[in-house]
Amino acid sequence: MKKLILKTIFITCGIALMLLFAVFGIVSLWAPSAMMNFTASLGMETVSGDYAFQEYERSGNISCLARSFLIASRHKDDRNADQRFEILFGLEGFGEFCESQNTSGEGVPAVSYRSYLCGQAAEVKYRLAKTAEEKEAVCSFAVEETTADFPSGNPVIALTLALAEAKDATASDILLTKISGKGFEQNPDYRNIINILEAVE
């Protein structure tokens, strides 16, 4: 009798577990946005980013695509981050989306969401770069995505900090040459970046 009870308990638990996995799979397939929020609430940020990308593929929600890119970038999942950024950057509505995400207000400095995204992308691309040509391409990208007024938080600043951390003198020289000939406003941020790049050995 005791064996029968134990067997029944094990079978019931097994069925319940199978049903739980089935529900999990169905929700993952049909409602990745729900799983994105659920996994984020559990602190599973990387998984949440993957669900955000699935939601973008399902619905075309550009916010989910940007979220999936930023999470992958933050966790240094560089291959996925780079692929997701290239999709995001190539979208027809990329500029308008970034404009809608810009923040400003009383006591809050203006922040360009496009600059932030491109700064993160420059760091990702730099970590993936293996050759001098690839590093030069990353530097060109950062310079082209930095506006002439050289605002705080621009892609050149983000890339410079990555180069300094890696002590990459070769890439620092490339970036220094590119920004010196670009005609950026020589504000305090610009001068600091020049000093940092010149100090990398």
N, C-alpha and C. Protein backbone atom coordinates (compact mmCIF):
# COMPACT_ATOMS: atom_id res chain seq x y z
N MET A 1 0.83 -1.20 0.00
CA MET A 1 0.00 0.00 0.00
C MET A 1 0.87 1.26 0.00
N LYS A 2 1.94 1.23 0.82
CA LYS A 2 2.84 2.38 0.91
C LYS A 2 3.52 2.62 -0.43
N LYS A 3 3.91 1.53 -1.11
CA LYS A 3 4.55 1.65 -2.42
C LYS A 3 3.59 2.27 -3.43
N LEU A 4 2.34 1.88 -3.38
CA LEU A 4 1.33 2.40 -4.30
C LEU A 4 1.14 3.91 -4.10
N ILE A 5 1.11 4.33 -2.83
CA ILE A 5 0.95 5.76 -2.52
C ILE A 5 2.15 6.55 -3.04
N LEU A 6 3.36 6.02 -2.79
CA LEU A 6 4.57 6.70 -3.27
C LEU A 6 4.60 6.78 -4.79
N LYS A 7 4.19 5.67 -5.42
CA LYS A 7 4.18 5.63 -6.89
C LYS A 7 3.20 6.67 -7.43
N THR A 8 2.04 6.76 -6.80
CA THR A 8 1.02 7.74 -7.21
C THR A 8 1.54 9.16 -7.05
N ILE A 9 2.25 9.42 -5.96
CA ILE A 9 2.81 10.77 -5.71
C ILE A 9 3.83 11.12 -6.79
N PHE A 10 4.70 10.14 -7.11
CA PHE A 10 5.72 10.39 -8.13
C PHE A 10 5.09 10.64 -9.50
N ILE A 11 4.09 9.85 -9.84
CA ILE A 11 3.42 10.02 -11.14
C ILE A 11 2.73 11.38 -11.20
N THR A 12 2.06 11.77 -10.12
CA THR A 12 1.36 13.07 -10.06
C THR A 12 2.35 14.22 -10.20
N CYS A 13 3.46 14.12 -9.48
CA CYS A 13 4.50 15.17 -9.56
C CYS A 13 5.09 15.24 -10.97
N GLY A 14 5.30 14.07 -11.59
CA GLY A 14 5.85 14.03 -12.94
C GLY A 14 4.91 14.68 -13.94
N ILE A 15 3.62 14.36 -13.83
CA ILE A 15 2.62 14.95 -14.73
C ILE A 15 2.55 16.47 -14.53
N ALA A 16 2.55 16.89 -13.26
CA ALA A 16 2.49 18.32 -12.95
C ALA A 16 3.70 19.05 -13.53
N LEU A 17 4.87 18.42 -13.44
CA LEU A 17 6.09 19.02 -13.98
C LEU A 17 6.03 19.12 -15.50
N MET A 18 5.52 18.06 -16.13
CA MET A 18 5.38 18.07 -17.59
C MET A 18 4.41 19.16 -18.04
N LEU A 19 3.30 19.31 -17.30
CA LEU A 19 2.33 20.36 -17.63
C LEU A 19 2.94 21.74 -17.45
N LEU A 20 3.74 21.89 -16.41
CA LEU A 20 4.40 23.18 -16.15
C LEU A 20 5.33 23.53 -17.30
N PHE A 21 6.13 22.56 -17.77
CA PHE A 21 7.03 22.80 -18.89
C PHE A 21 6.24 23.10 -20.17
N ALA A 22 5.12 22.41 -20.35
CA ALA A 22 4.28 22.63 -21.53
C ALA A 22 3.73 24.05 -21.53
N VAL A 23 3.24 24.50 -20.39
CA VAL A 23 2.71 25.86 -20.27
C VAL A 23 3.82 26.87 -20.52
N PHE A 24 4.98 26.61 -19.94
CA PHE A 24 6.14 27.49 -20.10
C PHE A 24 6.51 27.61 -21.58
N GLY A 25 6.51 26.47 -22.27
CA GLY A 25 6.84 26.46 -23.70
C GLY A 25 5.81 27.20 -24.53
N ILE A 26 4.53 27.01 -24.21
CA ILE A 26 3.46 27.68 -24.96
C ILE A 26 3.53 29.18 -24.78
N VAL A 27 3.70 29.61 -23.53
CA VAL A 27 3.79 31.06 -23.26
C VAL A 27 5.03 31.65 -23.93
N SER A 28 6.14 30.91 -23.91
CA SER A 28 7.37 31.39 -24.55
C SER A 28 7.16 31.59 -26.05
N LEU A 29 6.41 30.69 -26.65
CA LEU A 29 6.19 30.74 -28.09
C LEU A 29 5.20 31.82 -28.49
N TRP A 30 4.10 31.92 -27.75
CA TRP A 30 3.01 32.81 -28.15
C TRP A 30 3.03 34.16 -27.45
N ALA A 31 3.70 34.29 -26.35
CA ALA A 31 3.73 35.58 -25.63
C ALA A 31 5.11 35.85 -25.06
N PRO A 32 6.13 36.03 -25.94
CA PRO A 32 7.48 36.28 -25.43
C PRO A 32 7.58 37.56 -24.59
N SER A 33 6.68 38.53 -24.84
CA SER A 33 6.74 39.76 -24.04
C SER A 33 6.40 39.47 -22.58
N ALA A 34 5.46 38.54 -22.35
CA ALA A 34 5.12 38.17 -20.98
C ALA A 34 6.31 37.47 -20.32
N MET A 35 6.99 36.61 -21.06
CA MET A 35 8.15 35.91 -20.53
C MET A 35 9.32 36.89 -20.32
N MET A 36 9.41 37.89 -21.19
CA MET A 36 10.45 38.91 -21.06
C MET A 36 10.32 39.61 -19.71
N ASN A 37 9.10 40.02 -19.38
CA ASN A 37 8.86 40.71 -18.11
C ASN A 37 8.99 39.77 -16.91
N PHE A 38 8.51 38.53 -17.09
CA PHE A 38 8.56 37.55 -16.00
C PHE A 38 10.00 37.22 -15.64
N THR A 39 10.82 36.92 -16.64
CA THR A 39 12.22 36.56 -16.37
C THR A 39 13.00 37.75 -15.82
N ALA A 40 12.65 38.96 -16.29
CA ALA A 40 13.31 40.16 -15.75
C ALA A 40 12.99 40.33 -14.27
N SER A 41 11.74 40.03 -13.90
CA SER A 41 11.34 40.16 -12.49
C SER A 41 12.05 39.15 -11.60
N LEU A 42 12.52 38.05 -12.20
CA LEU A 42 13.27 37.03 -11.45
C LEU A 42 14.77 37.31 -11.44
N GLY A 43 15.18 38.40 -12.08
CA GLY A 43 16.59 38.74 -12.15
C GLY A 43 17.35 38.00 -13.25
N MET A 44 16.62 37.36 -14.16
CA MET A 44 17.24 36.61 -15.26
C MET A 44 17.35 37.53 -16.48
N GLU A 45 18.25 38.52 -16.39
CA GLU A 45 18.29 39.58 -17.39
C GLU A 45 18.68 39.08 -18.78
N THR A 46 19.65 38.18 -18.85
CA THR A 46 20.08 37.68 -20.15
C THR A 46 18.94 36.95 -20.86
N VAL A 47 18.24 36.12 -20.12
CA VAL A 47 17.09 35.39 -20.69
C VAL A 47 16.01 36.38 -21.10
N SER A 48 15.81 37.41 -20.27
CA SER A 48 14.83 38.45 -20.59
C SER A 48 15.18 39.14 -21.90
N GLY A 49 16.48 39.39 -22.12
CA GLY A 49 16.92 40.00 -23.37
C GLY A 49 16.64 39.12 -24.58
N ASP A 50 16.82 37.82 -24.41
CA ASP A 50 16.52 36.89 -25.51
C ASP A 50 15.03 36.88 -25.83
N TYR A 51 14.20 36.94 -24.78
CA TYR A 51 12.75 37.01 -25.01
C TYR A 51 12.37 38.34 -25.65
N ALA A 52 13.08 39.42 -25.29
CA ALA A 52 12.82 40.72 -25.91
C ALA A 52 13.08 40.64 -27.41
N PHE A 53 14.14 39.94 -27.79
CA PHE A 53 14.45 39.80 -29.22
C PHE A 53 13.38 38.95 -29.92
N GLN A 54 12.93 37.89 -29.24
CA GLN A 54 11.85 37.07 -29.80
C GLN A 54 10.58 37.90 -30.00
N GLU A 55 10.31 38.77 -29.04
CA GLU A 55 9.13 39.63 -29.15
C GLU A 55 9.28 40.59 -30.34
N TYR A 56 10.48 41.10 -30.55
CA TYR A 56 10.71 41.96 -31.72
C TYR A 56 10.44 41.17 -33.00
N GLU A 57 10.96 39.94 -33.07
CA GLU A 57 10.76 39.12 -34.27
C GLU A 57 9.28 38.83 -34.49
N ARG A 58 8.53 38.69 -33.39
CA ARG A 58 7.09 38.37 -33.50
C ARG A 58 6.27 39.59 -33.86
N SER A 59 6.56 40.73 -33.23
CA SER A 59 5.68 41.89 -33.36
C SER A 59 6.31 43.09 -34.06
N GLY A 60 7.64 43.07 -34.22
CA GLY A 60 8.31 44.23 -34.82
C GLY A 60 8.47 45.40 -33.87
N ASN A 61 8.34 45.15 -32.56
CA ASN A 61 8.45 46.21 -31.56
C ASN A 61 9.91 46.64 -31.43
N ILE A 62 10.21 47.86 -31.89
CA ILE A 62 11.58 48.34 -31.91
C ILE A 62 12.15 48.55 -30.50
N SER A 63 11.28 48.88 -29.55
CA SER A 63 11.73 49.04 -28.16
C SER A 63 12.28 47.72 -27.62
N CYS A 64 11.64 46.62 -27.99
CA CYS A 64 12.12 45.30 -27.54
C CYS A 64 13.46 44.96 -28.18
N LEU A 65 13.62 45.35 -29.44
CA LEU A 65 14.89 45.11 -30.12
C LEU A 65 16.01 45.90 -29.45
N ALA A 66 15.76 47.18 -29.15
CA ALA A 66 16.76 48.00 -28.47
C ALA A 66 17.09 47.42 -27.10
N ARG A 67 16.06 46.98 -26.40
CA ARG A 67 16.27 46.38 -25.07
C ARG A 67 17.13 45.13 -25.17
N SER A 68 16.84 44.29 -26.16
CA SER A 68 17.61 43.05 -26.31
C SER A 68 19.06 43.35 -26.64
N PHE A 69 19.30 44.39 -27.45
CA PHE A 69 20.68 44.79 -27.78
C PHE A 69 21.42 45.28 -26.54
N LEU A 70 20.78 46.16 -25.77
CA LEU A 70 21.44 46.74 -24.60
C LEU A 70 21.75 45.69 -23.54
N ILE A 71 20.85 44.73 -23.36
CA ILE A 71 21.10 43.67 -22.38
C ILE A 71 22.27 42.80 -22.83
N ALA A 72 22.28 42.43 -24.11
CA ALA A 72 23.39 41.61 -24.63
C ALA A 72 24.71 42.36 -24.52
N SER A 73 24.68 43.66 -24.80
CA SER A 73 25.89 44.48 -24.69
C SER A 73 26.38 44.54 -23.25
N ARG A 74 25.45 44.75 -22.32
CA ARG A 74 25.81 44.87 -20.90
C ARG A 74 26.45 43.58 -20.38
N HIS A 75 25.98 42.45 -20.90
CA HIS A 75 26.50 41.15 -20.45
C HIS A 75 27.64 40.64 -21.34
N LYS A 76 28.09 41.49 -22.26
CA LYS A 76 29.20 41.18 -23.16
C LYS A 76 28.94 39.93 -24.01
N ASP A 77 27.67 39.76 -24.37
CA ASP A 77 27.28 38.75 -25.35
C ASP A 77 27.42 39.41 -26.71
N ASP A 78 28.70 39.64 -27.11
CA ASP A 78 28.98 40.57 -28.19
C ASP A 78 28.47 40.15 -29.56
N ARG A 79 28.52 38.88 -29.86
CA ARG A 79 28.03 38.43 -31.18
C ARG A 79 26.54 38.76 -31.34
N ASN A 80 25.75 38.37 -30.34
CA ASN A 80 24.32 38.66 -30.40
C ASN A 80 24.06 40.16 -30.36
N ALA A 81 24.81 40.86 -29.51
CA ALA A 81 24.63 42.31 -29.40
C ALA A 81 24.89 42.98 -30.75
N ASP A 82 25.97 42.60 -31.42
CA ASP A 82 26.32 43.22 -32.70
C ASP A 82 25.27 42.91 -33.76
N GLN A 83 24.80 41.67 -33.81
CA GLN A 83 23.77 41.30 -34.79
C GLN A 83 22.49 42.10 -34.55
N ARG A 84 22.11 42.23 -33.28
CA ARG A 84 20.88 42.95 -32.95
C ARG A 84 21.02 44.43 -33.24
N PHE A 85 22.21 44.99 -32.98
CA PHE A 85 22.40 46.41 -33.28
C PHE A 85 22.33 46.66 -34.78
N GLU A 86 22.93 45.79 -35.56
CA GLU A 86 22.90 45.99 -37.02
C GLU A 86 21.46 45.99 -37.55
N ILE A 87 20.62 45.13 -36.99
CA ILE A 87 19.20 45.14 -37.37
C ILE A 87 18.57 46.47 -36.96
N LEU A 88 18.82 46.87 -35.72
CA LEU A 88 18.26 48.12 -35.18
C LEU A 88 18.72 49.32 -35.98
N PHE A 89 20.01 49.42 -36.22
CA PHE A 89 20.61 50.56 -36.92
C PHE A 89 20.10 50.67 -38.35
N GLY A 90 19.76 49.53 -38.94
CA GLY A 90 19.31 49.51 -40.33
C GLY A 90 17.82 49.75 -40.51
N LEU A 91 17.08 49.83 -39.42
CA LEU A 91 15.64 50.04 -39.54
C LEU A 91 15.33 51.44 -40.04
N GLU A 92 14.31 51.54 -40.86
CA GLU A 92 13.92 52.84 -41.42
C GLU A 92 13.52 53.83 -40.32
N GLY A 93 12.92 53.34 -39.27
CA GLY A 93 12.45 54.23 -38.20
C GLY A 93 13.43 54.41 -37.06
N PHE A 94 14.71 54.04 -37.27
CA PHE A 94 15.69 54.12 -36.19
C PHE A 94 15.85 55.54 -35.64
N GLY A 95 16.01 56.51 -36.54
CA GLY A 95 16.21 57.90 -36.11
C GLY A 95 15.03 58.44 -35.32
N GLU A 96 13.83 58.17 -35.83
CA GLU A 96 12.62 58.65 -35.15
C GLU A 96 12.45 58.00 -33.79
N PHE A 97 12.77 56.70 -33.73
CA PHE A 97 12.68 55.99 -32.46
C PHE A 97 13.62 56.61 -31.44
N CYS A 98 14.85 56.88 -31.85
CA CYS A 98 15.84 57.48 -30.93
C CYS A 98 15.37 58.85 -30.46
N GLU A 99 14.82 59.64 -31.38
CA GLU A 99 14.32 60.97 -31.00
C GLU A 99 13.24 60.85 -29.93
N SER A 100 12.40 59.85 -30.05
CA SER A 100 11.30 59.68 -29.09
C SER A 100 11.80 59.25 -27.72
N GLN A 101 13.03 58.71 -27.66
CA GLN A 101 13.59 58.23 -26.40
C GLN A 101 14.51 59.25 -25.72
N ASN A 102 14.80 60.34 -26.40
CA ASN A 102 15.68 61.36 -25.81
C ASN A 102 15.07 61.90 -24.52
N THR A 103 15.94 62.22 -23.55
CA THR A 103 15.45 62.76 -22.29
C THR A 103 16.04 64.14 -22.05
N SER A 104 15.22 65.00 -21.48
CA SER A 104 15.69 66.33 -21.09
C SER A 104 14.66 66.91 -20.12
N GLY A 105 15.03 67.94 -19.45
CA GLY A 105 14.12 68.56 -18.51
C GLY A 105 14.87 69.46 -17.55
N GLU A 106 14.13 70.10 -16.68
CA GLU A 106 14.75 71.01 -15.73
C GLU A 106 15.68 70.24 -14.79
N GLY A 107 16.93 70.65 -14.77
CA GLY A 107 17.91 69.99 -13.90
C GLY A 107 18.41 68.67 -14.46
N VAL A 108 17.96 68.29 -15.65
CA VAL A 108 18.39 67.03 -16.27
C VAL A 108 19.11 67.36 -17.57
N PRO A 109 20.37 66.95 -17.72
CA PRO A 109 21.07 67.25 -18.97
C PRO A 109 20.44 66.50 -20.14
N ALA A 110 20.45 67.14 -21.29
CA ALA A 110 19.92 66.48 -22.48
C ALA A 110 20.74 65.23 -22.79
N VAL A 111 20.06 64.15 -23.06
CA VAL A 111 20.74 62.88 -23.36
C VAL A 111 20.25 62.39 -24.71
N SER A 112 21.18 62.12 -25.62
CA SER A 112 20.83 61.59 -26.93
C SER A 112 20.82 60.07 -26.85
N TYR A 113 19.63 59.49 -27.05
CA TYR A 113 19.51 58.04 -26.99
C TYR A 113 20.30 57.39 -28.12
N ARG A 114 20.31 58.04 -29.28
CA ARG A 114 21.09 57.51 -30.40
C ARG A 114 22.57 57.44 -30.04
N SER A 115 23.09 58.51 -29.42
CA SER A 115 24.49 58.51 -29.01
C SER A 115 24.77 57.39 -28.02
N TYR A 116 23.83 57.20 -27.10
CA TYR A 116 24.00 56.14 -26.10
C TYR A 116 24.05 54.77 -26.77
N LEU A 117 23.09 54.49 -27.65
CA LEU A 117 23.06 53.20 -28.35
C LEU A 117 24.34 53.00 -29.17
N CYS A 118 24.73 54.04 -29.91
CA CYS A 118 25.90 53.91 -30.77
C CYS A 118 27.19 53.80 -29.95
N GLY A 119 27.22 54.43 -28.78
CA GLY A 119 28.37 54.27 -27.89
C GLY A 119 28.50 52.84 -27.41
N GLN A 120 27.36 52.24 -27.04
CA GLN A 120 27.38 50.84 -26.62
C GLN A 120 27.79 49.94 -27.79
N ALA A 121 27.29 50.27 -28.98
CA ALA A 121 27.63 49.48 -30.17
C ALA A 121 29.12 49.58 -30.49
N ALA A 122 29.69 50.77 -30.32
CA ALA A 122 31.13 50.96 -30.57
C ALA A 122 31.95 50.08 -29.63
N GLU A 123 31.54 50.00 -28.37
CA GLU A 123 32.25 49.15 -27.42
C GLU A 123 32.15 47.68 -27.82
N VAL A 124 30.95 47.26 -28.23
CA VAL A 124 30.74 45.88 -28.67
C VAL A 124 31.62 45.57 -29.89
N LYS A 125 31.57 46.47 -30.87
CA LYS A 125 32.34 46.25 -32.10
C LYS A 125 33.84 46.23 -31.81
N TYR A 126 34.28 47.06 -30.86
CA TYR A 126 35.70 47.07 -30.50
C TYR A 126 36.11 45.73 -29.87
N ARG A 127 35.25 45.21 -28.99
CA ARG A 127 35.59 43.92 -28.35
C ARG A 127 35.64 42.79 -29.38
N LEU A 128 34.90 42.93 -30.47
CA LEU A 128 34.90 41.91 -31.51
C LEU A 128 36.04 42.09 -32.51
N ALA A 129 36.56 43.31 -32.61
CA ALA A 129 37.59 43.62 -33.61
C ALA A 129 38.89 42.88 -33.31
N LYS A 130 39.44 42.27 -34.34
CA LYS A 130 40.69 41.52 -34.19
C LYS A 130 41.84 42.14 -34.98
N THR A 131 41.53 42.78 -36.09
CA THR A 131 42.58 43.32 -36.95
C THR A 131 42.59 44.85 -36.87
N ALA A 132 43.68 45.43 -37.37
CA ALA A 132 43.80 46.90 -37.40
C ALA A 132 42.70 47.50 -38.27
N GLU A 133 42.35 46.81 -39.36
CA GLU A 133 41.30 47.30 -40.25
C GLU A 133 39.95 47.33 -39.54
N GLU A 134 39.67 46.30 -38.75
CA GLU A 134 38.41 46.25 -38.02
C GLU A 134 38.38 47.34 -36.93
N LYS A 135 39.51 47.57 -36.29
CA LYS A 135 39.57 48.63 -35.27
C LYS A 135 39.38 50.00 -35.91
N GLU A 136 39.95 50.18 -37.10
CA GLU A 136 39.78 51.45 -37.80
C GLU A 136 38.32 51.67 -38.17
N ALA A 137 37.64 50.59 -38.57
CA ALA A 137 36.22 50.69 -38.91
C ALA A 137 35.39 51.09 -37.69
N VAL A 138 35.75 50.54 -36.53
CA VAL A 138 35.05 50.89 -35.28
C VAL A 138 35.27 52.37 -34.96
N CYS A 139 36.50 52.83 -35.10
CA CYS A 139 36.81 54.25 -34.83
C CYS A 139 36.03 55.15 -35.79
N SER A 140 35.97 54.77 -37.05
CA SER A 140 35.21 55.57 -38.04
C SER A 140 33.74 55.63 -37.66
N PHE A 141 33.20 54.50 -37.24
CA PHE A 141 31.79 54.45 -36.83
C PHE A 141 31.54 55.41 -35.67
N ALA A 142 32.39 55.36 -34.65
CA ALA A 142 32.22 56.22 -33.47
C ALA A 142 32.30 57.69 -33.84
N VAL A 143 33.25 58.04 -34.70
CA VAL A 143 33.43 59.44 -35.11
C VAL A 143 32.23 59.92 -35.93
N GLU A 144 31.76 59.08 -36.85
CA GLU A 144 30.63 59.47 -37.71
C GLU A 144 29.35 59.63 -36.90
N GLU A 145 29.22 58.89 -35.82
CA GLU A 145 28.00 58.96 -35.00
C GLU A 145 28.11 59.98 -33.87
N THR A 146 29.18 60.76 -33.85
CA THR A 146 29.34 61.82 -32.85
C THR A 146 29.12 63.16 -33.53
N THR A 147 28.22 63.96 -32.99
CA THR A 147 27.89 65.25 -33.60
C THR A 147 28.99 66.27 -33.33
N ALA A 148 29.01 67.33 -34.14
CA ALA A 148 30.09 68.31 -34.12
C ALA A 148 30.25 69.02 -32.78
N ASP A 149 29.16 69.14 -32.01
CA ASP A 149 29.25 69.84 -30.72
C ASP A 149 29.87 68.98 -29.62
N PHE A 150 30.22 67.75 -29.95
CA PHE A 150 30.89 66.81 -29.04
C PHE A 150 30.20 66.77 -27.67
N PRO A 151 28.94 66.31 -27.66
CA PRO A 151 28.17 66.31 -26.40
C PRO A 151 28.64 65.23 -25.43
N SER A 152 28.26 65.36 -24.19
CA SER A 152 28.57 64.34 -23.18
C SER A 152 27.92 63.02 -23.58
N GLY A 153 28.61 61.93 -23.30
CA GLY A 153 28.05 60.60 -23.56
C GLY A 153 28.04 60.19 -25.01
N ASN A 154 28.88 60.83 -25.85
CA ASN A 154 28.86 60.48 -27.27
C ASN A 154 29.68 59.20 -27.53
N PRO A 155 29.53 58.60 -28.73
CA PRO A 155 30.22 57.34 -29.02
C PRO A 155 31.74 57.41 -28.94
N VAL A 156 32.34 58.56 -29.29
CA VAL A 156 33.80 58.68 -29.20
C VAL A 156 34.25 58.55 -27.75
N ILE A 157 33.50 59.15 -26.84
CA ILE A 157 33.85 59.04 -25.42
C ILE A 157 33.76 57.59 -24.96
N ALA A 158 32.66 56.92 -25.33
CA ALA A 158 32.48 55.51 -24.93
C ALA A 158 33.61 54.65 -25.46
N LEU A 159 33.97 54.85 -26.73
CA LEU A 159 35.04 54.04 -27.32
C LEU A 159 36.39 54.37 -26.68
N THR A 160 36.65 55.65 -26.42
CA THR A 160 37.91 56.05 -25.80
C THR A 160 38.12 55.36 -24.46
N LEU A 161 37.06 55.31 -23.66
CA LEU A 161 37.18 54.66 -22.35
C LEU A 161 37.49 53.17 -22.50
N ALA A 162 36.89 52.54 -23.52
CA ALA A 162 37.17 51.12 -23.77
C ALA A 162 38.62 50.92 -24.21
N LEU A 163 39.12 51.82 -25.06
CA LEU A 163 40.51 51.72 -25.53
C LEU A 163 41.50 51.95 -24.38
N ALA A 164 41.19 52.91 -23.54
CA ALA A 164 42.06 53.19 -22.40
C ALA A 164 42.10 52.02 -21.43
N GLU A 165 40.93 51.41 -21.20
CA GLU A 165 40.87 50.25 -20.30
C GLU A 165 41.69 49.10 -20.85
N ALA A 166 41.63 48.91 -22.18
CA ALA A 166 42.38 47.82 -22.82
C ALA A 166 43.85 48.19 -23.05
N LYS A 167 44.21 49.46 -22.81
CA LYS A 167 45.57 49.97 -23.07
C LYS A 167 45.99 49.68 -24.51
N ASP A 168 45.06 49.97 -25.42
CA ASP A 168 45.27 49.71 -26.84
C ASP A 168 45.81 50.98 -27.51
N ALA A 169 47.13 51.09 -27.55
CA ALA A 169 47.77 52.29 -28.10
C ALA A 169 47.53 52.41 -29.61
N THR A 170 47.51 51.29 -30.31
CA THR A 170 47.33 51.31 -31.76
C THR A 170 45.96 51.90 -32.12
N ALA A 171 44.92 51.37 -31.51
CA ALA A 171 43.58 51.87 -31.79
C ALA A 171 43.40 53.30 -31.28
N SER A 172 44.06 53.64 -30.19
CA SER A 172 43.98 55.00 -29.65
C SER A 172 44.58 56.00 -30.63
N ASP A 173 45.70 55.63 -31.26
CA ASP A 173 46.32 56.51 -32.26
C ASP A 173 45.39 56.69 -33.47
N ILE A 174 44.74 55.61 -33.87
CA ILE A 174 43.80 55.69 -35.00
C ILE A 174 42.66 56.65 -34.67
N LEU A 175 42.08 56.47 -33.48
CA LEU A 175 40.95 57.32 -33.09
C LEU A 175 41.39 58.77 -32.93
N LEU A 176 42.57 58.97 -32.36
CA LEU A 176 43.08 60.32 -32.17
C LEU A 176 43.23 61.04 -33.51
N THR A 177 43.78 60.36 -34.49
CA THR A 177 43.95 60.94 -35.82
C THR A 177 42.60 61.31 -36.44
N LYS A 178 41.63 60.41 -36.28
CA LYS A 178 40.31 60.64 -36.89
C LYS A 178 39.58 61.82 -36.24
N ILE A 179 39.62 61.90 -34.92
CA ILE A 179 38.87 62.99 -34.27
C ILE A 179 39.60 64.33 -34.40
N SER A 180 40.93 64.31 -34.52
CA SER A 180 41.68 65.55 -34.65
C SER A 180 41.37 66.26 -35.97
N GLY A 181 41.05 65.49 -36.98
CA GLY A 181 40.75 66.09 -38.28
C GLY A 181 39.27 66.28 -38.56
N LYS A 182 38.44 66.06 -37.57
CA LYS A 182 37.00 66.09 -37.80
C LYS A 182 36.37 67.46 -37.54
N GLY A 183 37.06 68.31 -36.82
CA GLY A 183 36.51 69.64 -36.55
C GLY A 183 35.49 69.68 -35.44
N PHE A 184 35.63 68.81 -34.45
CA PHE A 184 34.72 68.83 -33.30
C PHE A 184 34.93 70.10 -32.47
N GLU A 185 33.88 70.52 -31.80
CA GLU A 185 33.99 71.63 -30.86
C GLU A 185 34.96 71.23 -29.74
N GLN A 186 35.92 72.07 -29.48
CA GLN A 186 36.95 71.71 -28.50
C GLN A 186 36.53 72.14 -27.09
N ASN A 187 35.49 71.49 -26.61
CA ASN A 187 34.96 71.75 -25.27
C ASN A 187 35.75 70.92 -24.24
N PRO A 188 35.44 71.06 -22.96
CA PRO A 188 36.19 70.29 -21.95
C PRO A 188 36.17 68.78 -22.16
N ASP A 189 35.02 68.23 -22.58
CA ASP A 189 34.96 66.78 -22.85
C ASP A 189 35.93 66.40 -23.96
N TYR A 190 35.95 67.20 -25.02
CA TYR A 190 36.85 66.92 -26.14
C TYR A 190 38.30 66.94 -25.69
N ARG A 191 38.67 67.94 -24.94
CA ARG A 191 40.06 68.06 -24.48
C ARG A 191 40.45 66.90 -23.56
N ASN A 192 39.51 66.49 -22.72
CA ASN A 192 39.77 65.33 -21.84
C ASN A 192 40.01 64.06 -22.65
N ILE A 193 39.21 63.89 -23.69
CA ILE A 193 39.36 62.69 -24.53
C ILE A 193 40.70 62.70 -25.25
N ILE A 194 41.11 63.86 -25.75
CA ILE A 194 42.42 63.98 -26.39
C ILE A 194 43.53 63.59 -25.41
N ASN A 195 43.43 64.09 -24.19
CA ASN A 195 44.44 63.78 -23.16
C ASN A 195 44.48 62.30 -22.83
N ILE A 196 43.30 61.67 -22.73
CA ILE A 196 43.24 60.24 -22.42
C ILE A 196 43.88 59.43 -23.55
N LEU A 197 43.52 59.76 -24.80
CA LEU A 197 44.05 59.00 -25.94
C LEU A 197 45.56 59.18 -26.06
N GLU A 198 46.05 60.37 -25.83
CA GLU A 198 47.50 60.61 -25.92
C GLU A 198 48.26 59.88 -24.81
N ALA A 199 47.59 59.60 -23.71
CA ALA A 199 48.26 58.95 -22.57
C ALA A 199 48.28 57.42 -22.67
N VAL A 200 47.49 56.86 -23.61
CA VAL A 200 47.43 55.39 -23.73
C VAL A 200 48.74 54.90 -24.34
N GLU A 201 49.35 53.95 -23.64
CA GLU A 201 50.62 53.39 -24.12
C GLU A 201 50.52 51.88 -24.26
